[in-house]
Structures are given as C-alpha cells and as structure tokens.
Amino acid sequence: MDHEHLHAAEAAFIEGFRAASDKQAFLTLARIPLELAVPDGPGLKLVQVLLEDTVEVGRASRGFASRELVYQPLPAGLVTSQTRLCFRYISAEAVRELTLAEVTAWPEAVPAHEHPDDLGYSREMTAIGRRGT
C-alpha cells in the first residue's frame, strides 16, 4: 500500500471510529485484530485505540546571534491539524504501539471473531446473502 493510500485509509478509519456508536463493532468491521500472535512470547491484546490531535498554530526558530527564539504565529489559513492513530497492544512482557499499516500486515493476527457464527450469522443467512433474496 503506497503512502497516499495508507494516509487515506487512516483518515477514513479515524472518521469512522470517532463516529461509531459501537467501537468494538467498528473494529470488527475494519478487521482490526483484538489479539496478535507473537512467535517467541505471549500474544498481544488490544487495549487502546489512540487518536492524538495536533494543531500547529505557530512556528519558532533560533534568532540570528540571539539566545531567544523568533516566534511567528500562523494566520488562520496556515494553521494545520493532524491526527495520529495507533493501536496499543499489551502482553505480560511488552507494550507495543502499532500503526494501522503494521496491524493490518501482522503475520498471525487473530480475527476479532473467529467464525461467522460469532457475529450472529448462520449458514442459511450467508446462503441467502449470496442468492440476493
């Protein structure tokens, strides 16, 4: 996945996650694993989805021949904001903060729901969905 596509996917995830009334269901829909397998240790469990908003309202740099900073507040049109998204997984041995790309590329992710029946679907409902009736 290229950088532009990944940025768009993160933005869509952030927007949807903030708006979702059921965060667990949204994680399932987005295929975010609740557990990640680790080859040489205990599995990681998802405990937090972190959304960190940053708004840049000014810039500062060293002044020429001065110990003071030169500060420039930004006009409204140049104020920028961004949201950092990460997933905090823990085990008895570690805390890992992973990006959306890292989580979705994890080699042995355990899906939030192992079987379609866990979501309340039956084989009959799946067959009906395939037939379109």
N, C-alpha and C. Protein backbone atom coordinates (compact mmCIF):
# COMPACT_ATOMS: atom_id res chain seq x y z
N MET A 1 0.86 -1.17 0.00
CA MET A 1 0.00 0.00 0.00
C MET A 1 0.91 1.23 0.00
N ASP A 2 0.71 2.15 -0.94
CA ASP A 2 1.55 3.33 -1.00
C ASP A 2 1.15 4.35 0.08
N HIS A 3 2.00 5.33 0.29
CA HIS A 3 1.81 6.30 1.37
C HIS A 3 0.49 7.06 1.26
N GLU A 4 0.14 7.47 0.06
CA GLU A 4 -1.10 8.23 -0.15
C GLU A 4 -2.33 7.39 0.18
N HIS A 5 -2.32 6.14 -0.26
CA HIS A 5 -3.43 5.23 0.01
C HIS A 5 -3.53 4.96 1.51
N LEU A 6 -2.40 4.75 2.16
CA LEU A 6 -2.37 4.50 3.60
C LEU A 6 -2.91 5.71 4.37
N HIS A 7 -2.50 6.90 3.97
CA HIS A 7 -2.99 8.12 4.62
C HIS A 7 -4.51 8.25 4.48
N ALA A 8 -5.03 7.94 3.30
CA ALA A 8 -6.48 7.99 3.08
C ALA A 8 -7.20 6.95 3.92
N ALA A 9 -6.62 5.74 4.03
CA ALA A 9 -7.22 4.69 4.84
C ALA A 9 -7.24 5.09 6.32
N GLU A 10 -6.15 5.67 6.80
CA GLU A 10 -6.10 6.12 8.20
C GLU A 10 -7.14 7.21 8.45
N ALA A 11 -7.26 8.16 7.54
CA ALA A 11 -8.23 9.25 7.69
C ALA A 11 -9.66 8.69 7.74
N ALA A 12 -9.95 7.73 6.88
CA ALA A 12 -11.28 7.11 6.86
C ALA A 12 -11.52 6.33 8.15
N PHE A 13 -10.50 5.62 8.63
CA PHE A 13 -10.65 4.88 9.89
C PHE A 13 -10.92 5.84 11.04
N ILE A 14 -10.16 6.92 11.14
CA ILE A 14 -10.32 7.89 12.22
C ILE A 14 -11.72 8.48 12.20
N GLU A 15 -12.18 8.90 11.03
CA GLU A 15 -13.52 9.48 10.90
C GLU A 15 -14.60 8.49 11.32
N GLY A 16 -14.49 7.27 10.81
CA GLY A 16 -15.48 6.25 11.14
C GLY A 16 -15.44 5.83 12.60
N PHE A 17 -14.24 5.69 13.15
CA PHE A 17 -14.11 5.27 14.54
C PHE A 17 -14.69 6.31 15.49
N ARG A 18 -14.41 7.58 15.21
CA ARG A 18 -14.96 8.65 16.06
C ARG A 18 -16.48 8.66 16.01
N ALA A 19 -17.04 8.40 14.86
CA ALA A 19 -18.50 8.48 14.70
C ALA A 19 -19.22 7.21 15.16
N ALA A 20 -18.51 6.11 15.26
CA ALA A 20 -19.15 4.82 15.58
C ALA A 20 -19.71 4.81 16.99
N SER A 21 -20.97 4.41 17.11
CA SER A 21 -21.56 4.30 18.45
C SER A 21 -21.10 3.02 19.14
N ASP A 22 -20.72 2.01 18.38
CA ASP A 22 -20.21 0.76 18.93
C ASP A 22 -18.78 0.57 18.42
N LYS A 23 -17.82 0.95 19.25
CA LYS A 23 -16.41 0.92 18.86
C LYS A 23 -15.93 -0.52 18.58
N GLN A 24 -16.38 -1.49 19.37
CA GLN A 24 -15.97 -2.88 19.16
C GLN A 24 -16.46 -3.37 17.80
N ALA A 25 -17.70 -3.06 17.46
CA ALA A 25 -18.25 -3.47 16.17
C ALA A 25 -17.48 -2.82 15.03
N PHE A 26 -17.09 -1.56 15.21
CA PHE A 26 -16.33 -0.89 14.18
C PHE A 26 -14.97 -1.56 13.98
N LEU A 27 -14.31 -1.95 15.08
CA LEU A 27 -13.03 -2.65 14.97
C LEU A 27 -13.19 -3.95 14.20
N THR A 28 -14.28 -4.66 14.46
CA THR A 28 -14.56 -5.90 13.75
C THR A 28 -14.77 -5.63 12.27
N LEU A 29 -15.57 -4.63 11.96
CA LEU A 29 -15.84 -4.27 10.57
C LEU A 29 -14.56 -3.86 9.84
N ALA A 30 -13.67 -3.16 10.56
CA ALA A 30 -12.41 -2.70 9.97
C ALA A 30 -11.34 -3.79 9.97
N ARG A 31 -11.69 -4.97 10.51
CA ARG A 31 -10.77 -6.10 10.58
C ARG A 31 -9.51 -5.80 11.38
N ILE A 32 -9.69 -5.07 12.47
CA ILE A 32 -8.59 -4.81 13.39
C ILE A 32 -8.57 -5.95 14.39
N PRO A 33 -7.49 -6.72 14.44
CA PRO A 33 -7.46 -7.87 15.35
C PRO A 33 -7.39 -7.44 16.81
N LEU A 34 -8.12 -8.15 17.66
CA LEU A 34 -8.07 -7.90 19.10
C LEU A 34 -6.86 -8.56 19.73
N GLU A 35 -6.30 -9.55 19.05
CA GLU A 35 -5.11 -10.24 19.53
C GLU A 35 -4.14 -10.44 18.38
N LEU A 36 -2.85 -10.31 18.70
CA LEU A 36 -1.80 -10.57 17.73
C LEU A 36 -0.89 -11.65 18.27
N ALA A 37 -0.62 -12.66 17.48
CA ALA A 37 0.29 -13.72 17.88
C ALA A 37 1.73 -13.23 17.78
N VAL A 38 2.55 -13.65 18.74
CA VAL A 38 3.97 -13.31 18.75
C VAL A 38 4.72 -14.64 18.78
N PRO A 39 5.62 -14.87 17.83
CA PRO A 39 6.27 -16.18 17.73
C PRO A 39 7.01 -16.63 19.00
N ASP A 40 7.73 -15.74 19.64
CA ASP A 40 8.56 -16.15 20.77
C ASP A 40 8.06 -15.64 22.11
N GLY A 41 6.78 -15.45 22.25
CA GLY A 41 6.29 -14.94 23.52
C GLY A 41 4.78 -14.94 23.58
N PRO A 42 4.26 -14.37 24.65
CA PRO A 42 2.80 -14.32 24.79
C PRO A 42 2.18 -13.38 23.77
N GLY A 43 0.96 -13.69 23.36
CA GLY A 43 0.25 -12.87 22.39
C GLY A 43 -0.05 -11.48 22.92
N LEU A 44 -0.22 -10.56 22.01
CA LEU A 44 -0.54 -9.18 22.35
C LEU A 44 -2.04 -8.99 22.30
N LYS A 45 -2.59 -8.23 23.24
CA LYS A 45 -4.03 -7.96 23.32
C LYS A 45 -4.26 -6.47 23.10
N LEU A 46 -5.23 -6.14 22.26
CA LEU A 46 -5.56 -4.73 22.00
C LEU A 46 -6.27 -4.15 23.22
N VAL A 47 -5.71 -3.06 23.78
CA VAL A 47 -6.34 -2.43 24.94
C VAL A 47 -6.77 -0.99 24.66
N GLN A 48 -6.13 -0.32 23.70
CA GLN A 48 -6.50 1.07 23.42
C GLN A 48 -6.30 1.40 21.94
N VAL A 49 -7.19 2.23 21.44
CA VAL A 49 -7.02 2.87 20.14
C VAL A 49 -6.74 4.32 20.47
N LEU A 50 -5.56 4.78 20.10
CA LEU A 50 -5.14 6.14 20.44
C LEU A 50 -5.32 7.07 19.25
N LEU A 51 -6.03 8.16 19.48
CA LEU A 51 -6.20 9.22 18.50
C LEU A 51 -5.65 10.49 19.13
N GLU A 52 -4.56 11.01 18.59
CA GLU A 52 -3.90 12.17 19.16
C GLU A 52 -3.97 13.33 18.17
N ASP A 53 -4.72 14.36 18.53
CA ASP A 53 -4.87 15.53 17.66
C ASP A 53 -3.76 16.54 17.95
N THR A 54 -3.16 17.05 16.87
CA THR A 54 -2.14 18.09 16.98
C THR A 54 -2.54 19.23 16.04
N VAL A 55 -2.53 20.45 16.57
CA VAL A 55 -2.84 21.63 15.76
C VAL A 55 -1.64 22.56 15.83
N GLU A 56 -1.04 22.85 14.68
CA GLU A 56 0.10 23.75 14.63
C GLU A 56 -0.41 25.18 14.45
N VAL A 57 -0.15 26.04 15.44
CA VAL A 57 -0.65 27.40 15.43
C VAL A 57 0.46 28.44 15.31
N GLY A 58 1.72 27.99 15.34
CA GLY A 58 2.84 28.91 15.23
C GLY A 58 4.12 28.16 14.94
N ARG A 59 5.15 28.93 14.60
CA ARG A 59 6.46 28.34 14.33
C ARG A 59 7.51 29.14 15.09
N ALA A 60 8.56 28.45 15.53
CA ALA A 60 9.64 29.10 16.25
C ALA A 60 10.96 28.59 15.72
N SER A 61 11.94 29.49 15.67
CA SER A 61 13.28 29.12 15.25
C SER A 61 14.29 30.01 15.97
N ARG A 62 15.52 29.58 15.99
CA ARG A 62 16.56 30.38 16.65
C ARG A 62 16.76 31.69 15.90
N GLY A 63 16.92 32.74 16.68
CA GLY A 63 17.20 34.04 16.08
C GLY A 63 18.68 34.17 15.76
N PHE A 64 19.02 35.05 14.85
CA PHE A 64 20.40 35.27 14.47
C PHE A 64 21.14 35.97 15.61
N ALA A 65 22.23 35.36 16.07
CA ALA A 65 23.07 35.92 17.13
C ALA A 65 22.26 36.21 18.40
N SER A 66 21.33 35.35 18.72
CA SER A 66 20.49 35.55 19.90
C SER A 66 20.18 34.20 20.53
N ARG A 67 19.94 34.23 21.84
CA ARG A 67 19.53 33.00 22.53
C ARG A 67 18.01 32.86 22.52
N GLU A 68 17.33 33.89 22.12
CA GLU A 68 15.87 33.86 22.08
C GLU A 68 15.38 33.25 20.78
N LEU A 69 14.20 32.68 20.86
CA LEU A 69 13.56 32.15 19.66
C LEU A 69 12.79 33.25 18.95
N VAL A 70 12.76 33.15 17.63
CA VAL A 70 11.91 34.02 16.83
C VAL A 70 10.60 33.26 16.66
N TYR A 71 9.50 33.86 17.08
CA TYR A 71 8.21 33.19 17.06
C TYR A 71 7.29 33.86 16.07
N GLN A 72 6.64 33.05 15.26
CA GLN A 72 5.69 33.56 14.27
C GLN A 72 4.36 32.82 14.44
N PRO A 73 3.33 33.49 14.96
CA PRO A 73 2.00 32.86 14.98
C PRO A 73 1.53 32.70 13.53
N LEU A 74 0.85 31.62 13.26
CA LEU A 74 0.38 31.39 11.91
C LEU A 74 -0.98 32.03 11.68
N PRO A 75 -1.18 32.65 10.51
CA PRO A 75 -2.51 33.15 10.19
C PRO A 75 -3.48 31.98 10.04
N ALA A 76 -4.75 32.24 10.22
CA ALA A 76 -5.77 31.19 10.23
C ALA A 76 -5.66 30.25 9.03
N GLY A 77 -5.37 30.78 7.88
CA GLY A 77 -5.29 29.96 6.67
C GLY A 77 -4.12 28.99 6.65
N LEU A 78 -3.12 29.21 7.48
CA LEU A 78 -1.95 28.34 7.51
C LEU A 78 -1.92 27.40 8.71
N VAL A 79 -2.89 27.53 9.60
CA VAL A 79 -2.97 26.62 10.75
C VAL A 79 -3.31 25.23 10.22
N THR A 80 -2.55 24.24 10.66
CA THR A 80 -2.76 22.88 10.20
C THR A 80 -3.08 21.98 11.39
N SER A 81 -3.78 20.90 11.10
CA SER A 81 -4.06 19.92 12.14
C SER A 81 -3.87 18.53 11.56
N GLN A 82 -3.51 17.62 12.43
CA GLN A 82 -3.40 16.23 12.02
C GLN A 82 -3.70 15.35 13.22
N THR A 83 -4.11 14.14 12.93
CA THR A 83 -4.43 13.17 13.98
C THR A 83 -3.53 11.97 13.81
N ARG A 84 -2.88 11.60 14.89
CA ARG A 84 -2.04 10.40 14.90
C ARG A 84 -2.90 9.24 15.40
N LEU A 85 -2.86 8.15 14.67
CA LEU A 85 -3.62 6.95 15.01
C LEU A 85 -2.64 5.85 15.36
N CYS A 86 -2.85 5.20 16.49
CA CYS A 86 -2.08 3.99 16.78
C CYS A 86 -2.90 3.07 17.68
N PHE A 87 -2.50 1.84 17.68
CA PHE A 87 -3.19 0.79 18.43
C PHE A 87 -2.23 0.30 19.50
N ARG A 88 -2.66 0.34 20.75
CA ARG A 88 -1.81 -0.11 21.86
C ARG A 88 -2.19 -1.54 22.22
N TYR A 89 -1.23 -2.42 22.02
CA TYR A 89 -1.37 -3.83 22.36
C TYR A 89 -0.44 -4.11 23.54
N ILE A 90 -0.90 -4.98 24.45
CA ILE A 90 -0.07 -5.34 25.59
C ILE A 90 -0.01 -6.86 25.76
N SER A 91 1.03 -7.29 26.41
CA SER A 91 1.15 -8.67 26.88
C SER A 91 1.77 -8.58 28.27
N ALA A 92 2.00 -9.72 28.88
CA ALA A 92 2.64 -9.73 30.19
C ALA A 92 4.08 -9.22 30.11
N GLU A 93 4.64 -9.18 28.91
CA GLU A 93 6.04 -8.82 28.75
C GLU A 93 6.27 -7.50 28.00
N ALA A 94 5.28 -6.99 27.32
CA ALA A 94 5.55 -5.84 26.45
C ALA A 94 4.33 -4.97 26.24
N VAL A 95 4.60 -3.73 25.85
CA VAL A 95 3.59 -2.80 25.37
C VAL A 95 4.06 -2.37 23.99
N ARG A 96 3.19 -2.51 22.99
CA ARG A 96 3.54 -2.14 21.62
C ARG A 96 2.50 -1.18 21.08
N GLU A 97 2.94 -0.09 20.49
CA GLU A 97 2.05 0.83 19.79
C GLU A 97 2.32 0.65 18.30
N LEU A 98 1.27 0.24 17.59
CA LEU A 98 1.40 -0.08 16.18
C LEU A 98 0.54 0.82 15.32
N THR A 99 1.01 1.10 14.13
CA THR A 99 0.23 1.88 13.18
C THR A 99 -0.81 0.99 12.51
N LEU A 100 -1.72 1.59 11.78
CA LEU A 100 -2.72 0.83 11.04
C LEU A 100 -2.04 -0.11 10.05
N ALA A 101 -1.00 0.35 9.37
CA ALA A 101 -0.29 -0.49 8.41
C ALA A 101 0.36 -1.68 9.10
N GLU A 102 0.95 -1.46 10.26
CA GLU A 102 1.59 -2.56 10.98
C GLU A 102 0.57 -3.59 11.46
N VAL A 103 -0.57 -3.11 11.96
CA VAL A 103 -1.60 -4.02 12.46
C VAL A 103 -2.17 -4.87 11.32
N THR A 104 -2.46 -4.24 10.21
CA THR A 104 -3.08 -4.98 9.10
C THR A 104 -2.08 -5.91 8.41
N ALA A 105 -0.79 -5.65 8.55
CA ALA A 105 0.22 -6.50 7.93
C ALA A 105 0.78 -7.55 8.90
N TRP A 106 0.30 -7.56 10.14
CA TRP A 106 0.82 -8.51 11.13
C TRP A 106 0.62 -9.93 10.61
N PRO A 107 1.65 -10.77 10.67
CA PRO A 107 1.57 -12.08 10.03
C PRO A 107 0.55 -13.05 10.63
N GLU A 108 0.38 -13.05 11.94
CA GLU A 108 -0.52 -14.02 12.55
C GLU A 108 -1.55 -13.34 13.43
N ALA A 109 -2.36 -12.50 12.83
CA ALA A 109 -3.39 -11.79 13.58
C ALA A 109 -4.56 -12.73 13.84
N VAL A 110 -5.08 -12.67 15.05
CA VAL A 110 -6.25 -13.45 15.41
C VAL A 110 -7.46 -12.56 15.18
N PRO A 111 -8.36 -12.91 14.26
CA PRO A 111 -9.51 -12.05 13.99
C PRO A 111 -10.35 -11.81 15.24
N ALA A 112 -11.02 -10.68 15.27
CA ALA A 112 -11.88 -10.35 16.41
C ALA A 112 -12.93 -11.43 16.59
N HIS A 113 -13.40 -12.01 15.51
CA HIS A 113 -14.40 -13.08 15.55
C HIS A 113 -13.89 -14.21 14.68
N GLU A 114 -13.59 -15.33 15.29
CA GLU A 114 -13.03 -16.47 14.57
C GLU A 114 -13.97 -17.06 13.52
N HIS A 115 -15.25 -17.09 13.83
CA HIS A 115 -16.20 -17.74 12.94
C HIS A 115 -17.35 -16.79 12.63
N PRO A 116 -17.93 -16.89 11.44
CA PRO A 116 -19.08 -16.05 11.13
C PRO A 116 -20.21 -16.23 12.12
N ASP A 117 -20.36 -17.43 12.70
CA ASP A 117 -21.42 -17.66 13.69
C ASP A 117 -21.27 -16.75 14.90
N ASP A 118 -20.03 -16.36 15.20
CA ASP A 118 -19.79 -15.47 16.34
C ASP A 118 -20.46 -14.12 16.13
N LEU A 119 -20.66 -13.73 14.90
CA LEU A 119 -21.29 -12.45 14.61
C LEU A 119 -22.80 -12.56 14.51
N GLY A 120 -23.33 -13.73 14.73
CA GLY A 120 -24.77 -13.91 14.67
C GLY A 120 -25.26 -14.33 13.29
N TYR A 121 -24.33 -14.68 12.40
CA TYR A 121 -24.73 -15.13 11.08
C TYR A 121 -24.85 -16.65 11.10
N SER A 122 -25.71 -17.14 10.32
CA SER A 122 -25.84 -18.59 10.16
C SER A 122 -25.50 -18.94 8.72
N ARG A 123 -25.29 -20.21 8.47
CA ARG A 123 -25.01 -20.63 7.10
C ARG A 123 -26.18 -20.29 6.19
N GLU A 124 -27.40 -20.37 6.76
CA GLU A 124 -28.58 -20.05 5.95
C GLU A 124 -28.57 -18.57 5.55
N MET A 125 -28.20 -17.70 6.49
CA MET A 125 -28.16 -16.26 6.18
C MET A 125 -27.09 -15.97 5.13
N THR A 126 -25.94 -16.64 5.23
CA THR A 126 -24.88 -16.45 4.26
C THR A 126 -25.35 -16.90 2.89
N ALA A 127 -26.05 -18.05 2.82
CA ALA A 127 -26.56 -18.55 1.53
C ALA A 127 -27.59 -17.59 0.96
N ILE A 128 -28.46 -17.05 1.81
CA ILE A 128 -29.46 -16.09 1.35
C ILE A 128 -28.77 -14.86 0.77
N GLY A 129 -27.73 -14.39 1.46
CA GLY A 129 -26.99 -13.22 1.00
C GLY A 129 -26.36 -13.44 -0.36
N ARG A 130 -25.86 -14.65 -0.60
CA ARG A 130 -25.24 -14.96 -1.89
C ARG A 130 -26.27 -14.99 -3.03
N ARG A 131 -27.48 -15.46 -2.71
CA ARG A 131 -28.53 -15.54 -3.73
C ARG A 131 -29.19 -14.21 -3.96
N GLY A 132 -29.05 -13.30 -2.98
CA GLY A 132 -29.66 -11.99 -3.14
C GLY A 132 -31.12 -11.94 -2.84
N THR A 133 -31.62 -12.93 -2.07
CA THR A 133 -33.05 -12.92 -1.73
C THR A 133 -33.23 -12.80 -0.24
